[in-house]
Amino acid sequence: MSSSSSTLSFVTIRRQFDFRGIEMGRWVTPEERDRAAINFDQALHDLMDALQGPEQLISLRGTLGLQFGKGGQRGVAAHYMPATRQLALAKNAGAGSLAHEWFHAFDHYMGDKMFHFAPSSSFASNNWLQEPDSSNIKSHPLNTLLGHCFKSILLSPDGEDTSELFQASKRADEKHNIFYYSKPEEMCARAFEAFIEDAKPTSRFLVEGSKHSEEAKIGLYPQGPQRAVINQAFHHYFTLLGGALNREG
């Protein structure tokens, strides 16, 4: 259950979830800070409920840091910084981006934990796409299930071709002459957004836009049968991961 809004602050959030640190931008007013604390608290509890895991899952065992209204990039509502393992949301435009950026953090956290020989800067999704059947994957039932998640997002059902999501993402990249939407880590983060939004969280600060946004209309989020398969794969993985962490805690 969320903390009472009358006593809630980023200090209590950091302590409850064991985040490595939470930094505020210098232009964030006390009122904005207090309002953001309430939004973060609701979103993080909704995320915890959807993943059926404890607080240590959300903070990635205390390795994840948060930023709010600090060091923003022009035109970017939110971003994850692998070098410092920090998730940053812009002061006035970060709402709805938390689930996406959290999965980037999780994907990065798993990069060298799922694979034997992977740099600490790597993302598990990208490593898997390069070596989906490699002995480089550390033998563990949870790693196998995470691999199933990546397969359901990136490959066709028979594993012989790219997925519908990949094809739509590639078309978007070609239209804009960029390489962004079809990056494996971006496709997986958008697929995770869809999974979380389908869990019907109460917080729109956590996620919104995987169903009715312009991006959704052109297929940049999973749709139809692929979405159902991805959701099932994520549900299976996080249910078992959350259960293991709950027992451990």
C-alpha atoms as a PDB file:
ATOM      1  CA  MET A   1       0.000   0.000   0.000  1.00  0.00           C
ATOM      2  CA  SER A   2       1.218   3.533  -0.801  1.00  0.00           C
ATOM      3  CA  SER A   3       2.371   5.806   1.965  1.00  0.00           C
ATOM      4  CA  SER A   4       0.008   8.504   3.208  1.00  0.00           C
ATOM      5  CA  SER A   5       0.301  11.608   1.018  1.00  0.00           C
ATOM      6  CA  SER A   6       0.586  13.779   4.128  1.00  0.00           C
ATOM      7  CA  THR A   7       3.816  12.064   5.169  1.00  0.00           C
ATOM      8  CA  LEU A   8       5.097  11.051   1.762  1.00  0.00           C
ATOM      9  CA  SER A   9       8.373  12.402   0.455  1.00  0.00           C
ATOM     10  CA  PHE A  10      11.182  11.257  -1.792  1.00  0.00           C
ATOM     11  CA  VAL A  11      13.093  10.395   1.366  1.00  0.00           C
ATOM     12  CA  THR A  12      10.466   7.829   2.342  1.00  0.00           C
ATOM     13  CA  ILE A  13      10.360   6.502  -1.235  1.00  0.00           C
ATOM     14  CA  ARG A  14      14.130   6.077  -1.320  1.00  0.00           C
ATOM     15  CA  ARG A  15      14.119   4.268   2.010  1.00  0.00           C
ATOM     16  CA  GLN A  16      11.190   1.997   1.199  1.00  0.00           C
ATOM     17  CA  PHE A  17      12.514   0.897  -2.190  1.00  0.00           C
ATOM     18  CA  ASP A  18      16.217   1.230  -1.326  1.00  0.00           C
ATOM     19  CA  PHE A  19      17.019   3.359  -4.366  1.00  0.00           C
ATOM     20  CA  ARG A  20      20.698   4.258  -4.531  1.00  0.00           C
ATOM     21  CA  GLY A  21      19.734   7.911  -4.511  1.00  0.00           C
ATOM     22  CA  ILE A  22      17.085  10.373  -5.689  1.00  0.00           C
ATOM     23  CA  GLU A  23      18.172  13.721  -7.111  1.00  0.00           C
ATOM     24  CA  MET A  24      16.034  16.827  -7.671  1.00  0.00           C
ATOM     25  CA  GLY A  25      16.683  19.516 -10.256  1.00  0.00           C
ATOM     26  CA  ARG A  26      17.545  22.950  -8.923  1.00  0.00           C
ATOM     27  CA  TRP A  27      14.431  24.481 -10.526  1.00  0.00           C
ATOM     28  CA  VAL A  28      11.977  22.000  -8.972  1.00  0.00           C
ATOM     29  CA  THR A  29       9.813  23.892  -6.483  1.00  0.00           C
ATOM     30  CA  PRO A  30       8.770  22.324  -3.161  1.00  0.00           C
ATOM     31  CA  GLU A  31       5.215  22.021  -4.475  1.00  0.00           C
ATOM     32  CA  GLU A  32       6.386  20.274  -7.650  1.00  0.00           C
ATOM     33  CA  ARG A  33       8.624  17.991  -5.590  1.00  0.00           C
ATOM     34  CA  ASP A  34       5.779  16.989  -3.268  1.00  0.00           C
ATOM     35  CA  ARG A  35       3.388  16.395  -6.152  1.00  0.00           C
ATOM     36  CA  ALA A  36       6.016  14.333  -7.976  1.00  0.00           C
ATOM     37  CA  ALA A  37       6.623  12.242  -4.850  1.00  0.00           C
ATOM     38  CA  ILE A  38       2.942  11.285  -4.772  1.00  0.00           C
ATOM     39  CA  ASN A  39       3.002  10.431  -8.497  1.00  0.00           C
ATOM     40  CA  PHE A  40       6.194   8.385  -8.199  1.00  0.00           C
ATOM     41  CA  ASP A  41       4.890   6.530  -5.151  1.00  0.00           C
ATOM     42  CA  GLN A  42       1.640   5.497  -6.848  1.00  0.00           C
ATOM     43  CA  ALA A  43       3.428   4.521 -10.051  1.00  0.00           C
ATOM     44  CA  LEU A  44       6.086   2.459  -8.276  1.00  0.00           C
ATOM     45  CA  HIS A  45       3.481   0.617  -6.223  1.00  0.00           C
ATOM     46  CA  ASP A  46       1.444  -0.067  -9.376  1.00  0.00           C
ATOM     47  CA  LEU A  47       4.605  -1.398 -11.028  1.00  0.00           C
ATOM     48  CA  MET A  48       5.329  -3.593  -8.022  1.00  0.00           C
ATOM     49  CA  ASP A  49       1.764  -4.963  -8.139  1.00  0.00           C
ATOM     50  CA  ALA A  50       1.967  -5.685 -11.872  1.00  0.00           C
ATOM     51  CA  LEU A  51       5.284  -7.521 -11.486  1.00  0.00           C
ATOM     52  CA  GLN A  52       4.206  -9.291  -8.271  1.00  0.00           C
ATOM     53  CA  GLY A  53       7.610  -8.562  -6.800  1.00  0.00           C
ATOM     54  CA  PRO A  54       9.069  -6.748  -3.800  1.00  0.00           C
ATOM     55  CA  GLU A  55      10.667  -3.319  -3.518  1.00  0.00           C
ATOM     56  CA  GLN A  56      14.145  -4.688  -4.219  1.00  0.00           C
ATOM     57  CA  LEU A  57      13.005  -5.650  -7.719  1.00  0.00           C
ATOM     58  CA  ILE A  58      11.942  -2.066  -8.428  1.00  0.00           C
ATOM     59  CA  SER A  59      15.266  -0.607  -7.247  1.00  0.00           C
ATOM     60  CA  LEU A  60      17.209  -3.465  -8.870  1.00  0.00           C
ATOM     61  CA  ARG A  61      18.711  -4.478  -5.537  1.00  0.00           C
ATOM     62  CA  GLY A  62      19.502  -0.904  -4.613  1.00  0.00           C
ATOM     63  CA  THR A  63      21.558  -0.205  -7.740  1.00  0.00           C
ATOM     64  CA  LEU A  64      19.091   2.147  -9.467  1.00  0.00           C
ATOM     65  CA  GLY A  65      19.067   5.903  -8.923  1.00  0.00           C
ATOM     66  CA  LEU A  66      16.270   8.348  -9.807  1.00  0.00           C
ATOM     67  CA  GLN A  67      16.352  11.908 -11.068  1.00  0.00           C
ATOM     68  CA  PHE A  68      13.467  14.343 -11.395  1.00  0.00           C
ATOM     69  CA  GLY A  69      13.663  17.638 -13.246  1.00  0.00           C
ATOM     70  CA  LYS A  70      17.446  17.451 -13.480  1.00  0.00           C
ATOM     71  CA  GLY A  71      19.808  17.323 -16.443  1.00  0.00           C
ATOM     72  CA  GLY A  72      17.060  16.996 -19.030  1.00  0.00           C
ATOM     73  CA  GLN A  73      17.688  16.677 -22.739  1.00  0.00           C
ATOM     74  CA  ARG A  74      15.825  19.006 -25.108  1.00  0.00           C
ATOM     75  CA  GLY A  75      12.755  17.240 -26.509  1.00  0.00           C
ATOM     76  CA  VAL A  76      13.251  14.185 -24.298  1.00  0.00           C
ATOM     77  CA  ALA A  77      10.621  13.532 -21.606  1.00  0.00           C
ATOM     78  CA  ALA A  78      12.578  10.769 -19.914  1.00  0.00           C
ATOM     79  CA  HIS A  79      15.735   8.774 -20.336  1.00  0.00           C
ATOM     80  CA  TYR A  80      17.857   6.092 -18.707  1.00  0.00           C
ATOM     81  CA  MET A  81      21.591   6.664 -18.272  1.00  0.00           C
ATOM     82  CA  PRO A  82      23.525   3.374 -18.312  1.00  0.00           C
ATOM     83  CA  ALA A  83      26.814   4.987 -17.260  1.00  0.00           C
ATOM     84  CA  THR A  84      25.351   6.108 -13.931  1.00  0.00           C
ATOM     85  CA  ARG A  85      22.415   3.651 -13.726  1.00  0.00           C
ATOM     86  CA  GLN A  86      19.939   6.490 -13.272  1.00  0.00           C
ATOM     87  CA  LEU A  87      16.380   6.870 -14.499  1.00  0.00           C
ATOM     88  CA  ALA A  88      15.514  10.509 -15.208  1.00  0.00           C
ATOM     89  CA  LEU A  89      12.115  12.097 -15.769  1.00  0.00           C
ATOM     90  CA  ALA A  90      11.636  15.652 -16.969  1.00  0.00           C
ATOM     91  CA  LYS A  91       9.740  17.995 -14.677  1.00  0.00           C
ATOM     92  CA  ASN A  92       6.839  18.778 -16.996  1.00  0.00           C
ATOM     93  CA  ALA A  93       6.914  16.023 -19.600  1.00  0.00           C
ATOM     94  CA  GLY A  94       7.941  12.748 -17.975  1.00  0.00           C
ATOM     95  CA  ALA A  95       4.493  11.453 -17.030  1.00  0.00           C
ATOM     96  CA  GLY A  96       3.676   8.126 -18.665  1.00  0.00           C
ATOM     97  CA  SER A  97       7.331   7.263 -19.303  1.00  0.00           C
ATOM     98  CA  LEU A  98       8.296   5.529 -16.078  1.00  0.00           C
ATOM     99  CA  ALA A  99       7.530   1.946 -17.146  1.00  0.00           C
ATOM    100  CA  HIS A 100       9.482   2.355 -20.393  1.00  0.00           C
ATOM    101  CA  GLU A 101      12.554   3.765 -18.683  1.00  0.00           C
ATOM    102  CA  TRP A 102      12.368   1.250 -15.827  1.00  0.00           C
ATOM    103  CA  PHE A 103      12.567  -1.585 -18.322  1.00  0.00           C
ATOM    104  CA  HIS A 104      15.654  -0.006 -19.880  1.00  0.00           C
ATOM    105  CA  ALA A 105      17.195  -0.065 -16.400  1.00  0.00           C
ATOM    106  CA  PHE A 106      16.159  -3.686 -15.868  1.00  0.00           C
ATOM    107  CA  ASP A 107      17.390  -4.717 -19.331  1.00  0.00           C
ATOM    108  CA  HIS A 108      20.741  -3.072 -18.611  1.00  0.00           C
ATOM    109  CA  TYR A 109      20.934  -4.628 -15.133  1.00  0.00           C
ATOM    110  CA  MET A 110      20.458  -8.080 -16.676  1.00  0.00           C
ATOM    111  CA  GLY A 111      22.983  -7.521 -19.462  1.00  0.00           C
ATOM    112  CA  ASP A 112      25.960  -9.095 -17.706  1.00  0.00           C
ATOM    113  CA  LYS A 113      23.867 -11.265 -15.371  1.00  0.00           C
ATOM    114  CA  MET A 114      22.158 -13.254 -18.094  1.00  0.00           C
ATOM    115  CA  PHE A 115      25.333 -13.727 -20.155  1.00  0.00           C
ATOM    116  CA  HIS A 116      28.770 -15.055 -19.245  1.00  0.00           C
ATOM    117  CA  PHE A 117      30.834 -12.709 -21.407  1.00  0.00           C
ATOM    118  CA  ALA A 118      29.023  -9.408 -21.696  1.00  0.00           C
ATOM    119  CA  PRO A 119      30.222  -5.893 -20.939  1.00  0.00           C
ATOM    120  CA  SER A 120      28.530  -4.163 -18.028  1.00  0.00           C
ATOM    121  CA  SER A 121      27.310  -1.492 -20.453  1.00  0.00           C
ATOM    122  CA  SER A 122      25.291  -3.990 -22.511  1.00  0.00           C
ATOM    123  CA  PHE A 123      21.555  -4.679 -22.581  1.00  0.00           C
ATOM    124  CA  ALA A 124      20.296  -8.237 -22.186  1.00  0.00           C
ATOM    125  CA  SER A 125      17.844  -7.848 -25.088  1.00  0.00           C
ATOM    126  CA  ASN A 126      20.605  -6.812 -27.478  1.00  0.00           C
ATOM    127  CA  ASN A 127      22.919  -9.564 -26.241  1.00  0.00           C
ATOM    128  CA  TRP A 128      20.152 -12.123 -26.744  1.00  0.00           C
ATOM    129  CA  LEU A 129      19.392 -10.995 -30.298  1.00  0.00           C
ATOM    130  CA  GLN A 130      23.051 -11.416 -31.205  1.00  0.00           C
ATOM    131  CA  GLU A 131      23.308 -14.863 -29.567  1.00  0.00           C
ATOM    132  CA  PRO A 132      19.808 -16.300 -28.903  1.00  0.00           C
ATOM    133  CA  ASP A 133      20.968 -19.914 -28.736  1.00  0.00           C
ATOM    134  CA  SER A 134      24.444 -19.320 -27.376  1.00  0.00           C
ATOM    135  CA  SER A 135      26.101 -21.230 -24.553  1.00  0.00           C
ATOM    136  CA  ASN A 136      27.101 -17.739 -23.443  1.00  0.00           C
ATOM    137  CA  ILE A 137      23.688 -17.513 -21.724  1.00  0.00           C
ATOM    138  CA  LYS A 138      24.032 -18.442 -18.063  1.00  0.00           C
ATOM    139  CA  SER A 139      22.072 -21.593 -17.325  1.00  0.00           C
ATOM    140  CA  HIS A 140      19.114 -20.699 -15.117  1.00  0.00           C
ATOM    141  CA  PRO A 141      15.351 -21.242 -15.513  1.00  0.00           C
ATOM    142  CA  LEU A 142      14.691 -17.505 -15.166  1.00  0.00           C
ATOM    143  CA  ASN A 143      17.188 -16.676 -17.913  1.00  0.00           C
ATOM    144  CA  THR A 144      15.427 -19.173 -20.164  1.00  0.00           C
ATOM    145  CA  LEU A 145      12.105 -17.463 -19.477  1.00  0.00           C
ATOM    146  CA  LEU A 146      13.558 -14.003 -20.114  1.00  0.00           C
ATOM    147  CA  GLY A 147      14.879 -15.348 -23.403  1.00  0.00           C
ATOM    148  CA  HIS A 148      11.311 -16.431 -24.229  1.00  0.00           C
ATOM    149  CA  CYS A 149      10.183 -12.840 -23.586  1.00  0.00           C
ATOM    150  CA  PHE A 150      12.781 -11.481 -25.991  1.00  0.00           C
ATOM    151  CA  LYS A 151      11.891 -14.085 -28.629  1.00  0.00           C
ATOM    152  CA  SER A 152       8.190 -13.235 -28.444  1.00  0.00           C
ATOM    153  CA  ILE A 153       9.021  -9.553 -28.977  1.00  0.00           C
ATOM    154  CA  LEU A 154      11.756  -9.717 -31.609  1.00  0.00           C
ATOM    155  CA  LEU A 155      11.075 -12.841 -33.685  1.00  0.00           C
ATOM    156  CA  SER A 156       8.182 -14.415 -35.526  1.00  0.00           C
ATOM    157  CA  PRO A 157       6.320 -17.263 -33.748  1.00  0.00           C
ATOM    158  CA  ASP A 158       8.400 -19.909 -35.582  1.00  0.00           C
ATOM    159  CA  GLY A 159      11.634 -18.040 -34.803  1.00  0.00           C
ATOM    160  CA  GLU A 160      12.584 -17.976 -38.484  1.00  0.00           C
ATOM    161  CA  ASP A 161      11.851 -14.330 -39.203  1.00  0.00           C
ATOM    162  CA  THR A 162      11.520 -10.963 -37.490  1.00  0.00           C
ATOM    163  CA  SER A 163       8.323 -10.104 -35.624  1.00  0.00           C
ATOM    164  CA  GLU A 164       5.499  -7.813 -36.708  1.00  0.00           C
ATOM    165  CA  LEU A 165       6.716  -5.328 -34.094  1.00  0.00           C
ATOM    166  CA  PHE A 166      10.213  -5.398 -35.556  1.00  0.00           C
ATOM    167  CA  GLN A 167       8.911  -4.875 -39.088  1.00  0.00           C
ATOM    168  CA  ALA A 168       6.768  -1.891 -38.068  1.00  0.00           C
ATOM    169  CA  SER A 169       9.691  -0.451 -36.100  1.00  0.00           C
ATOM    170  CA  LYS A 170      12.026  -0.827 -39.071  1.00  0.00           C
ATOM    171  CA  ARG A 171       9.535   0.954 -41.339  1.00  0.00           C
ATOM    172  CA  ALA A 172       9.364   3.858 -38.864  1.00  0.00           C
ATOM    173  CA  ASP A 173      13.165   4.079 -38.800  1.00  0.00           C
ATOM    174  CA  GLU A 174      13.349   4.070 -42.597  1.00  0.00           C
ATOM    175  CA  LYS A 175      10.681   6.786 -42.843  1.00  0.00           C
ATOM    176  CA  HIS A 176      12.594   9.071 -40.474  1.00  0.00           C
ATOM    177  CA  ASN A 177      16.069   7.968 -41.622  1.00  0.00           C
ATOM    178  CA  ILE A 178      17.124   6.963 -38.101  1.00  0.00           C
ATOM    179  CA  PHE A 179      18.057   3.851 -36.156  1.00  0.00           C
ATOM    180  CA  TYR A 180      15.989   4.020 -33.012  1.00  0.00           C
ATOM    181  CA  TYR A 181      12.621   2.276 -33.049  1.00  0.00           C
ATOM    182  CA  SER A 182      14.072  -1.046 -34.216  1.00  0.00           C
ATOM    183  CA  LYS A 183      16.782  -1.221 -31.567  1.00  0.00           C
ATOM    184  CA  PRO A 184      16.068  -4.377 -29.545  1.00  0.00           C
ATOM    185  CA  GLU A 185      16.190  -2.490 -26.250  1.00  0.00           C
ATOM    186  CA  GLU A 186      13.623   0.031 -27.524  1.00  0.00           C
ATOM    187  CA  MET A 187      11.254  -2.620 -28.876  1.00  0.00           C
ATOM    188  CA  CYS A 188      11.457  -4.524 -25.597  1.00  0.00           C
ATOM    189  CA  ALA A 189      10.820  -1.390 -23.526  1.00  0.00           C
ATOM    190  CA  ARG A 190       7.731  -0.583 -25.619  1.00  0.00           C
ATOM    191  CA  ALA A 191       6.529  -4.180 -25.300  1.00  0.00           C
ATOM    192  CA  PHE A 192       6.955  -3.910 -21.543  1.00  0.00           C
ATOM    193  CA  GLU A 193       4.908  -0.700 -21.569  1.00  0.00           C
ATOM    194  CA  ALA A 194       2.100  -2.595 -23.280  1.00  0.00           C
ATOM    195  CA  PHE A 195       2.297  -5.400 -20.728  1.00  0.00           C
ATOM    196  CA  ILE A 196       2.104  -2.930 -17.844  1.00  0.00           C
ATOM    197  CA  GLU A 197      -0.717  -0.888 -19.402  1.00  0.00           C
ATOM    198  CA  ASP A 198      -2.716  -4.078 -19.974  1.00  0.00           C
ATOM    199  CA  ALA A 199      -2.352  -4.811 -16.243  1.00  0.00           C
ATOM    200  CA  LYS A 200      -4.590  -1.738 -15.780  1.00  0.00           C
ATOM    201  CA  PRO A 201      -2.519   0.321 -13.323  1.00  0.00           C
ATOM    202  CA  THR A 202      -4.254   3.269 -11.702  1.00  0.00           C
ATOM    203  CA  SER A 203      -1.273   5.547 -12.366  1.00  0.00           C
ATOM    204  CA  ARG A 204      -1.031   7.306 -15.719  1.00  0.00           C
ATOM    205  CA  PHE A 205       2.342   8.557 -14.501  1.00  0.00           C
ATOM    206  CA  LEU A 206       3.581   4.976 -14.940  1.00  0.00           C
ATOM    207  CA  VAL A 207       2.406   4.298 -18.478  1.00  0.00           C
ATOM    208  CA  GLU A 208       0.022   5.523 -21.163  1.00  0.00           C
ATOM    209  CA  GLY A 209      -0.025   5.446 -24.921  1.00  0.00           C
ATOM    210  CA  SER A 210       0.541   1.803 -25.852  1.00  0.00           C
ATOM    211  CA  LYS A 211      -3.030   1.479 -27.161  1.00  0.00           C
ATOM    212  CA  HIS A 212      -4.284   4.740 -28.667  1.00  0.00           C
ATOM    213  CA  SER A 213      -1.242   6.928 -29.356  1.00  0.00           C
ATOM    214  CA  GLU A 214       0.047   7.785 -32.825  1.00  0.00           C
ATOM    215  CA  GLU A 215       2.901   5.338 -32.232  1.00  0.00           C
ATOM    216  CA  ALA A 216       0.425   2.588 -31.413  1.00  0.00           C
ATOM    217  CA  LYS A 217      -1.555   3.290 -34.588  1.00  0.00           C
ATOM    218  CA  ILE A 218       1.472   2.554 -36.786  1.00  0.00           C
ATOM    219  CA  GLY A 219       2.365  -0.626 -34.927  1.00  0.00           C
ATOM    220  CA  LEU A 220       5.196   0.577 -32.693  1.00  0.00           C
ATOM    221  CA  TYR A 221       3.581  -1.279 -29.796  1.00  0.00           C
ATOM    222  CA  PRO A 222       2.677  -4.972 -29.963  1.00  0.00           C
ATOM    223  CA  GLN A 223      -0.798  -5.679 -31.273  1.00  0.00           C
ATOM    224  CA  GLY A 224      -3.247  -8.557 -31.463  1.00  0.00           C
ATOM    225  CA  PRO A 225      -1.927 -12.091 -31.002  1.00  0.00           C
ATOM    226  CA  GLN A 226       1.692 -10.975 -30.607  1.00  0.00           C
ATOM    227  CA  ARG A 227       0.717  -8.670 -27.752  1.00  0.00           C
ATOM    228  CA  ALA A 228      -1.089 -11.513 -25.995  1.00  0.00           C
ATOM    229  CA  VAL A 229       1.913 -13.827 -26.361  1.00  0.00           C
ATOM    230  CA  ILE A 230       4.315 -11.166 -25.070  1.00  0.00           C
ATOM    231  CA  ASN A 231       2.079 -10.379 -22.106  1.00  0.00           C
ATOM    232  CA  GLN A 232       1.908 -14.066 -21.204  1.00  0.00           C
ATOM    233  CA  ALA A 233       5.693 -14.410 -21.447  1.00  0.00           C
ATOM    234  CA  PHE A 234       6.311 -11.340 -19.274  1.00  0.00           C
ATOM    235  CA  HIS A 235       3.678 -12.476 -16.763  1.00  0.00           C
ATOM    236  CA  HIS A 236       5.268 -15.914 -16.436  1.00  0.00           C
ATOM    237  CA  TYR A 237       8.767 -14.490 -16.065  1.00  0.00           C
ATOM    238  CA  PHE A 238       8.007 -11.767 -13.547  1.00  0.00           C
ATOM    239  CA  THR A 239       5.655 -13.956 -11.498  1.00  0.00           C
ATOM    240  CA  LEU A 240       8.476 -16.457 -10.948  1.00  0.00           C
ATOM    241  CA  LEU A 241      11.123 -13.771 -10.474  1.00  0.00           C
ATOM    242  CA  GLY A 242       8.938 -11.896  -7.994  1.00  0.00           C
ATOM    243  CA  GLY A 243       8.154 -15.098  -6.122  1.00  0.00           C
ATOM    244  CA  ALA A 244      11.847 -15.956  -5.836  1.00  0.00           C
ATOM    245  CA  LEU A 245      12.685 -12.473  -4.557  1.00  0.00           C
ATOM    246  CA  ASN A 246       9.784 -12.517  -2.087  1.00  0.00           C
ATOM    247  CA  ARG A 247      10.993 -15.825  -0.665  1.00  0.00           C
ATOM    248  CA  GLU A 248      14.549 -14.527  -0.530  1.00  0.00           C
ATOM    249  CA  GLY A 249      13.444 -11.370   1.289  1.00  0.00           C
END
